[in-house]
Amino acid sequence: MSGILDEEELIKTRPLLFEQRPYNRIVKRCTPLLRPEQLPATSEGLNTYGEELELDFKAFEGVIARIQLLRETNKREVERYEKEKGDILETATVARETLVTLRETLQLSQREKENKLIYDAIASDILSKNTLKSRDEQSVNIERLNKEIAELEAERDEYRQVWNARRDQFGQIVDQLQKMWAQIKEDKDEQDRREGMSEEEEGEEVEAPVISRQFSESNTPFNISTPKLSASHVATPVPVITHTSPDDEKEEGEADEDEDIEFTDPPVENCEKGAVALPDAPNIPDSEKMDLT
């Protein structure tokens, strides 16, 4: 540390040894002016003294100019050095950031390389097995499966259309049946009303009606007959028991299965002899009703 300080002191003091000489010479030349007895007595000596003094001042002026030039040069060099220092620091910062980026890139590349090596090992183990098929065979299988999927989707759409058409047809059938049943119910109510009015006017004994009505919409005949009843047996109608052959029973059973409609006995209180009474609406539980929506 002391050696560095000695060098700095030498750098500072060495120029002064040369720059002080003109100044010391001027001081030495100007000292006799303060003491007239030390000046030369002759005119030639005075002229020589004046010339030497003038030369010393010119030399001192040259030293001052040199010092000024050195100062300006040093100032420019300091500015240049500062600029170079800033450029070097900026370059060092960029280089440091570049090194960090390159180090991260290197780490990612090394990690990717390790992953590729692992994947290559796994792929080698998989491909070494004979159970696996080639890529071309897998492509053919994939195309075949795609075709099967397309066929199944087309079949599903076709079934859906068929089901929608059948559901619409069934809904139309149900609507027609409901309209037919409403018409039958309306006719029955009108007939009951007329019979009630006739009974009140005539006051005759009510006889059990014989029902014989044919459903024009379904083309299925129904023949239901009841015996004549007295006034005391009005509330409990008794069906007529007739002897039929096996063929007639078979035909009646088939007709019942085709229609599958349950009828209730009409009230005999308001019926006249020979009048036609229609059955009530079938009692269908809510759980057996079909949702057509």
Protein backbone atom coordinates (compact mmCIF):
# COMPACT_ATOMS: atom_id res chain seq x y z
CA MET A 1 0.00 0.00 0.00
CA SER A 2 2.87 2.35 0.83
CA GLY A 3 4.47 1.64 -2.56
CA ILE A 4 1.33 2.75 -4.35
CA LEU A 5 1.24 5.99 -2.36
CA ASP A 6 4.92 6.67 -3.15
CA GLU A 7 4.24 6.23 -6.85
CA GLU A 8 1.29 8.62 -6.70
CA GLU A 9 3.41 11.20 -4.88
CA LEU A 10 6.17 10.86 -7.49
CA ILE A 11 3.62 11.34 -10.27
CA LYS A 12 2.39 14.54 -8.59
CA THR A 13 5.81 15.97 -7.59
CA ARG A 14 7.90 15.06 -10.64
CA PRO A 15 6.36 17.67 -13.01
CA LEU A 16 6.77 20.35 -10.35
CA LEU A 17 10.55 19.87 -10.38
CA PHE A 18 10.66 21.02 -13.99
CA GLU A 19 7.88 23.60 -13.79
CA GLN A 20 9.37 25.41 -10.80
CA ARG A 21 12.67 26.22 -12.49
CA PRO A 22 11.39 29.14 -14.65
CA TYR A 23 9.55 30.54 -11.67
CA ASN A 24 12.61 30.29 -9.42
CA ARG A 25 14.75 31.88 -12.12
CA ILE A 26 12.34 34.84 -12.40
CA VAL A 27 12.34 35.25 -8.65
CA LYS A 28 16.10 35.23 -8.66
CA ARG A 29 16.20 37.78 -11.50
CA CYS A 30 13.71 40.09 -9.84
CA THR A 31 15.43 40.13 -6.43
CA PRO A 32 18.16 42.71 -7.50
CA LEU A 33 15.39 45.12 -8.43
CA LEU A 34 14.56 45.44 -4.76
CA ARG A 35 18.19 46.30 -4.05
CA PRO A 36 19.59 48.86 -6.48
CA GLU A 37 23.15 48.29 -5.32
CA GLN A 38 23.01 44.78 -6.76
CA LEU A 39 22.12 45.99 -10.30
CA PRO A 40 24.85 46.32 -12.89
CA ALA A 41 26.46 49.73 -12.96
CA THR A 42 26.99 49.96 -16.70
CA SER A 43 24.39 50.39 -19.36
CA GLU A 44 25.47 47.25 -21.17
CA GLY A 45 25.00 45.26 -17.99
CA LEU A 46 21.56 46.72 -17.55
CA ASN A 47 20.66 45.85 -21.13
CA THR A 48 21.91 42.33 -20.66
CA TYR A 49 20.01 42.05 -17.38
CA GLY A 50 16.84 43.27 -19.06
CA GLU A 51 17.20 40.81 -21.95
CA GLU A 52 17.80 37.90 -19.57
CA LEU A 53 14.79 38.95 -17.46
CA GLU A 54 12.65 39.13 -20.58
CA LEU A 55 13.79 35.67 -21.67
CA ASP A 56 12.94 34.29 -18.24
CA PHE A 57 9.43 35.74 -18.45
CA LYS A 58 8.93 34.28 -21.92
CA ALA A 59 10.07 30.90 -20.65
CA PHE A 60 7.64 31.24 -17.74
CA GLU A 61 4.83 32.13 -20.14
CA GLY A 62 5.64 29.02 -22.17
CA VAL A 63 5.50 26.96 -18.98
CA ILE A 64 2.11 28.43 -18.08
CA ALA A 65 0.78 27.76 -21.59
CA ARG A 66 2.08 24.22 -21.40
CA ILE A 67 0.39 23.73 -18.03
CA GLN A 68 -2.90 25.01 -19.46
CA LEU A 69 -2.62 22.69 -22.45
CA LEU A 70 -1.85 19.76 -20.18
CA ARG A 71 -4.84 20.65 -18.03
CA GLU A 72 -7.18 20.76 -21.00
CA THR A 73 -5.71 17.54 -22.35
CA ASN A 74 -6.12 15.85 -19.01
CA LYS A 75 -9.71 17.09 -18.81
CA ARG A 76 -10.52 15.65 -22.23
CA GLU A 77 -8.82 12.38 -21.32
CA VAL A 78 -10.80 12.21 -18.09
CA GLU A 79 -14.04 12.70 -20.02
CA ARG A 80 -13.01 10.05 -22.52
CA TYR A 81 -12.08 7.68 -19.73
CA GLU A 82 -15.43 8.32 -18.02
CA LYS A 83 -17.24 7.57 -21.25
CA GLU A 84 -15.21 4.43 -21.81
CA LYS A 85 -15.88 3.45 -18.22
CA GLY A 86 -19.66 3.86 -18.76
CA ASP A 87 -19.47 1.85 -21.98
CA ILE A 88 -17.48 -0.85 -20.25
CA LEU A 89 -19.94 -0.98 -17.34
CA GLU A 90 -22.88 -1.14 -19.74
CA THR A 91 -21.18 -3.85 -21.75
CA ALA A 92 -20.44 -5.72 -18.54
CA THR A 93 -24.10 -5.45 -17.47
CA VAL A 94 -25.31 -6.70 -20.85
CA ALA A 95 -22.76 -9.51 -20.76
CA ARG A 96 -23.87 -10.44 -17.24
CA GLU A 97 -27.54 -10.52 -18.29
CA THR A 98 -26.60 -12.51 -21.38
CA LEU A 99 -24.74 -14.98 -19.22
CA VAL A 100 -27.78 -15.38 -16.96
CA THR A 101 -30.04 -15.93 -19.98
CA LEU A 102 -27.61 -18.38 -21.53
CA ARG A 103 -27.33 -20.24 -18.24
CA GLU A 104 -31.13 -20.57 -18.03
CA THR A 105 -31.27 -21.68 -21.67
CA LEU A 106 -28.55 -24.21 -20.96
CA GLN A 107 -30.48 -25.58 -17.99
CA LEU A 108 -33.66 -25.88 -20.06
CA SER A 109 -31.76 -27.60 -22.84
CA GLN A 110 -30.20 -30.03 -20.39
CA ARG A 111 -33.59 -30.76 -18.83
CA GLU A 112 -35.13 -31.26 -22.28
CA LYS A 113 -32.29 -33.55 -23.23
CA GLU A 114 -32.83 -35.62 -20.08
CA ASN A 115 -36.56 -35.83 -20.82
CA LYS A 116 -35.88 -36.91 -24.39
CA LEU A 117 -33.53 -39.61 -23.16
CA ILE A 118 -36.18 -40.86 -20.74
CA TYR A 119 -38.86 -40.77 -23.46
CA ASP A 120 -36.56 -42.60 -25.85
CA ALA A 121 -35.99 -45.31 -23.26
CA ILE A 122 -39.75 -45.66 -22.63
CA ALA A 123 -40.50 -45.69 -26.37
CA SER A 124 -37.82 -48.32 -26.94
CA ASP A 125 -39.37 -50.53 -24.25
CA ILE A 126 -42.83 -50.09 -25.79
CA LEU A 127 -41.75 -50.67 -29.37
CA SER A 128 -39.70 -53.70 -28.41
CA LYS A 129 -42.90 -55.59 -27.55
CA ASN A 130 -44.44 -57.63 -30.36
CA THR A 131 -48.03 -57.07 -29.20
CA LEU A 132 -48.12 -53.54 -30.55
CA LYS A 133 -49.18 -52.84 -34.11
CA SER A 134 -47.56 -50.51 -36.59
CA ARG A 135 -48.71 -46.95 -37.16
CA ASP A 136 -50.31 -47.81 -40.51
CA GLU A 137 -52.39 -50.59 -38.97
CA GLN A 138 -53.47 -48.29 -36.17
CA SER A 139 -54.52 -45.67 -38.75
CA VAL A 140 -56.62 -48.27 -40.60
CA ASN A 141 -58.28 -49.33 -37.34
CA ILE A 142 -59.01 -45.74 -36.44
CA GLU A 143 -60.65 -45.12 -39.83
CA ARG A 144 -62.74 -48.27 -39.45
CA LEU A 145 -63.89 -47.22 -35.99
CA ASN A 146 -64.78 -43.76 -37.27
CA LYS A 147 -66.91 -45.30 -40.02
CA GLU A 148 -68.69 -47.53 -37.49
CA ILE A 149 -69.34 -44.53 -35.28
CA ALA A 150 -70.81 -42.62 -38.23
CA GLU A 151 -73.07 -45.58 -39.11
CA LEU A 152 -74.26 -45.90 -35.52
CA GLU A 153 -75.02 -42.19 -35.36
CA ALA A 154 -76.99 -42.39 -38.62
CA GLU A 155 -78.92 -45.40 -37.28
CA ARG A 156 -79.63 -43.53 -34.06
CA ASP A 157 -81.00 -40.56 -36.01
CA GLU A 158 -83.18 -42.90 -38.08
CA TYR A 159 -84.57 -44.59 -34.96
CA ARG A 160 -85.22 -41.19 -33.47
CA GLN A 161 -87.21 -40.10 -36.53
CA VAL A 162 -89.21 -43.34 -36.51
CA TRP A 163 -89.94 -42.98 -32.81
CA ASN A 164 -91.06 -39.36 -33.26
CA ALA A 165 -93.36 -40.39 -36.12
CA ARG A 166 -94.87 -43.22 -34.05
CA ARG A 167 -95.29 -40.95 -31.07
CA ASP A 168 -97.11 -38.40 -33.22
CA GLN A 169 -99.37 -41.13 -34.63
CA PHE A 170 -100.12 -42.46 -31.17
CA GLY A 171 -100.89 -38.94 -29.98
CA GLN A 172 -103.32 -38.48 -32.87
CA ILE A 173 -104.99 -41.79 -32.03
CA VAL A 174 -105.35 -40.79 -28.39
CA ASP A 175 -106.78 -37.42 -29.38
CA GLN A 176 -109.35 -39.08 -31.66
CA LEU A 177 -110.32 -41.50 -28.91
CA GLN A 178 -110.73 -38.67 -26.44
CA LYS A 179 -112.88 -36.72 -28.90
CA MET A 180 -114.96 -39.84 -29.61
CA TRP A 181 -115.40 -40.51 -25.92
CA ALA A 182 -116.42 -36.90 -25.30
CA GLN A 183 -119.03 -37.17 -28.07
CA ILE A 184 -120.36 -40.43 -26.62
CA LYS A 185 -120.51 -38.88 -23.16
CA GLU A 186 -122.33 -35.87 -24.51
CA ASP A 187 -124.88 -38.05 -26.30
CA LYS A 188 -125.38 -40.11 -23.17
CA ASP A 189 -125.92 -37.02 -21.01
CA GLU A 190 -128.40 -35.65 -23.51
CA GLN A 191 -130.26 -38.95 -23.59
CA ASP A 192 -130.35 -39.11 -19.79
CA ARG A 193 -131.69 -35.58 -19.65
CA ARG A 194 -134.45 -36.40 -22.13
CA GLU A 195 -135.35 -39.59 -20.28
CA GLY A 196 -135.54 -37.71 -16.99
CA MET A 197 -137.86 -35.15 -18.48
CA SER A 198 -140.08 -37.88 -19.98
CA GLU A 199 -140.23 -39.73 -16.66
CA GLU A 200 -141.30 -36.66 -14.76
CA GLU A 201 -144.05 -35.93 -17.27
CA GLU A 202 -145.48 -39.43 -17.60
CA GLY A 203 -144.71 -40.84 -14.13
CA GLU A 204 -144.53 -44.30 -15.51
CA GLU A 205 -142.58 -47.20 -14.19
CA VAL A 206 -138.96 -47.25 -15.24
CA GLU A 207 -137.94 -50.23 -17.27
CA ALA A 208 -134.46 -51.44 -17.86
CA PRO A 209 -133.17 -50.33 -21.24
CA VAL A 210 -131.70 -52.52 -23.84
CA ILE A 211 -128.42 -51.10 -25.05
CA SER A 212 -127.44 -51.84 -28.57
CA ARG A 213 -125.01 -49.34 -29.99
CA GLN A 214 -122.34 -49.67 -32.64
CA PHE A 215 -119.14 -47.60 -32.55
CA SER A 216 -118.81 -46.33 -36.09
CA GLU A 217 -115.26 -45.12 -35.48
CA SER A 218 -113.86 -48.52 -34.39
CA ASN A 219 -116.42 -50.74 -36.30
CA THR A 220 -116.84 -52.97 -33.19
CA PRO A 221 -120.46 -53.80 -32.16
CA PHE A 222 -121.51 -54.11 -28.53
CA ASN A 223 -124.82 -55.79 -27.58
CA ILE A 224 -125.65 -55.32 -23.95
CA SER A 225 -129.13 -56.20 -22.69
CA THR A 226 -130.66 -56.00 -19.24
CA PRO A 227 -133.99 -57.39 -18.05
CA LYS A 228 -136.93 -55.28 -17.20
CA LEU A 229 -136.91 -54.15 -13.59
CA SER A 230 -139.56 -53.02 -11.24
CA ALA A 231 -139.29 -49.84 -9.28
CA SER A 232 -137.94 -51.73 -6.24
CA HIS A 233 -134.98 -53.08 -8.21
CA VAL A 234 -133.92 -49.92 -9.93
CA ALA A 235 -130.67 -49.40 -8.00
CA THR A 236 -129.26 -52.88 -8.72
CA PRO A 237 -129.42 -53.83 -12.40
CA VAL A 238 -129.14 -57.54 -13.14
CA PRO A 239 -127.62 -58.66 -16.44
CA VAL A 240 -129.46 -61.18 -18.57
CA ILE A 241 -127.86 -64.60 -18.64
CA THR A 242 -128.12 -66.17 -22.05
CA HIS A 243 -126.84 -69.44 -23.33
CA THR A 244 -124.28 -69.00 -26.04
CA SER A 245 -122.27 -71.42 -28.06
CA PRO A 246 -118.47 -71.72 -27.72
CA ASP A 247 -118.04 -69.95 -31.04
CA ASP A 248 -120.14 -67.02 -29.83
CA GLU A 249 -118.14 -66.84 -26.59
CA LYS A 250 -114.90 -66.87 -28.57
CA GLU A 251 -116.13 -64.05 -30.80
CA GLU A 252 -117.26 -62.04 -27.79
CA GLY A 253 -113.91 -62.58 -26.07
CA GLU A 254 -112.02 -61.42 -29.15
CA ALA A 255 -114.22 -58.35 -29.39
CA ASP A 256 -113.55 -57.56 -25.71
CA GLU A 257 -109.79 -57.95 -26.17
CA ASP A 258 -109.80 -55.71 -29.26
CA GLU A 259 -111.66 -52.90 -27.60
CA ASP A 260 -110.24 -53.26 -24.05
CA ILE A 261 -112.76 -50.68 -22.76
CA GLU A 262 -114.50 -51.01 -19.41
CA PHE A 263 -118.10 -49.83 -19.20
CA THR A 264 -120.23 -49.26 -16.13
CA ASP A 265 -123.94 -49.93 -15.83
CA PRO A 266 -126.01 -46.85 -16.62
CA PRO A 267 -128.53 -45.63 -14.07
CA VAL A 268 -131.90 -47.23 -14.69
CA GLU A 269 -133.84 -44.67 -12.73
CA ASN A 270 -134.10 -42.30 -15.66
CA CYS A 271 -134.44 -44.94 -18.43
CA GLU A 272 -137.50 -45.86 -20.35
CA LYS A 273 -138.38 -48.99 -22.22
CA GLY A 274 -136.57 -49.26 -25.49
CA ALA A 275 -134.21 -46.34 -24.67
CA VAL A 276 -130.47 -46.53 -25.34
CA ALA A 277 -128.04 -45.84 -22.50
CA LEU A 278 -124.31 -45.27 -23.15
CA PRO A 279 -121.51 -46.37 -20.85
CA ASP A 280 -119.47 -43.94 -18.77
CA ALA A 281 -115.83 -43.08 -19.46
CA PRO A 282 -113.37 -45.80 -18.54
CA ASN A 283 -111.67 -45.31 -15.20
CA ILE A 284 -107.97 -45.17 -16.08
CA PRO A 285 -105.55 -44.71 -13.14
CA ASP A 286 -103.09 -41.84 -13.33
CA SER A 287 -100.13 -44.23 -13.05
CA GLU A 288 -101.20 -45.99 -16.30
CA LYS A 289 -101.61 -42.82 -18.32
CA MET A 290 -98.90 -42.35 -20.95
CA ASP A 291 -96.90 -39.14 -21.15
CA LEU A 292 -96.92 -38.10 -24.81
CA THR A 293 -94.68 -35.07 -24.38
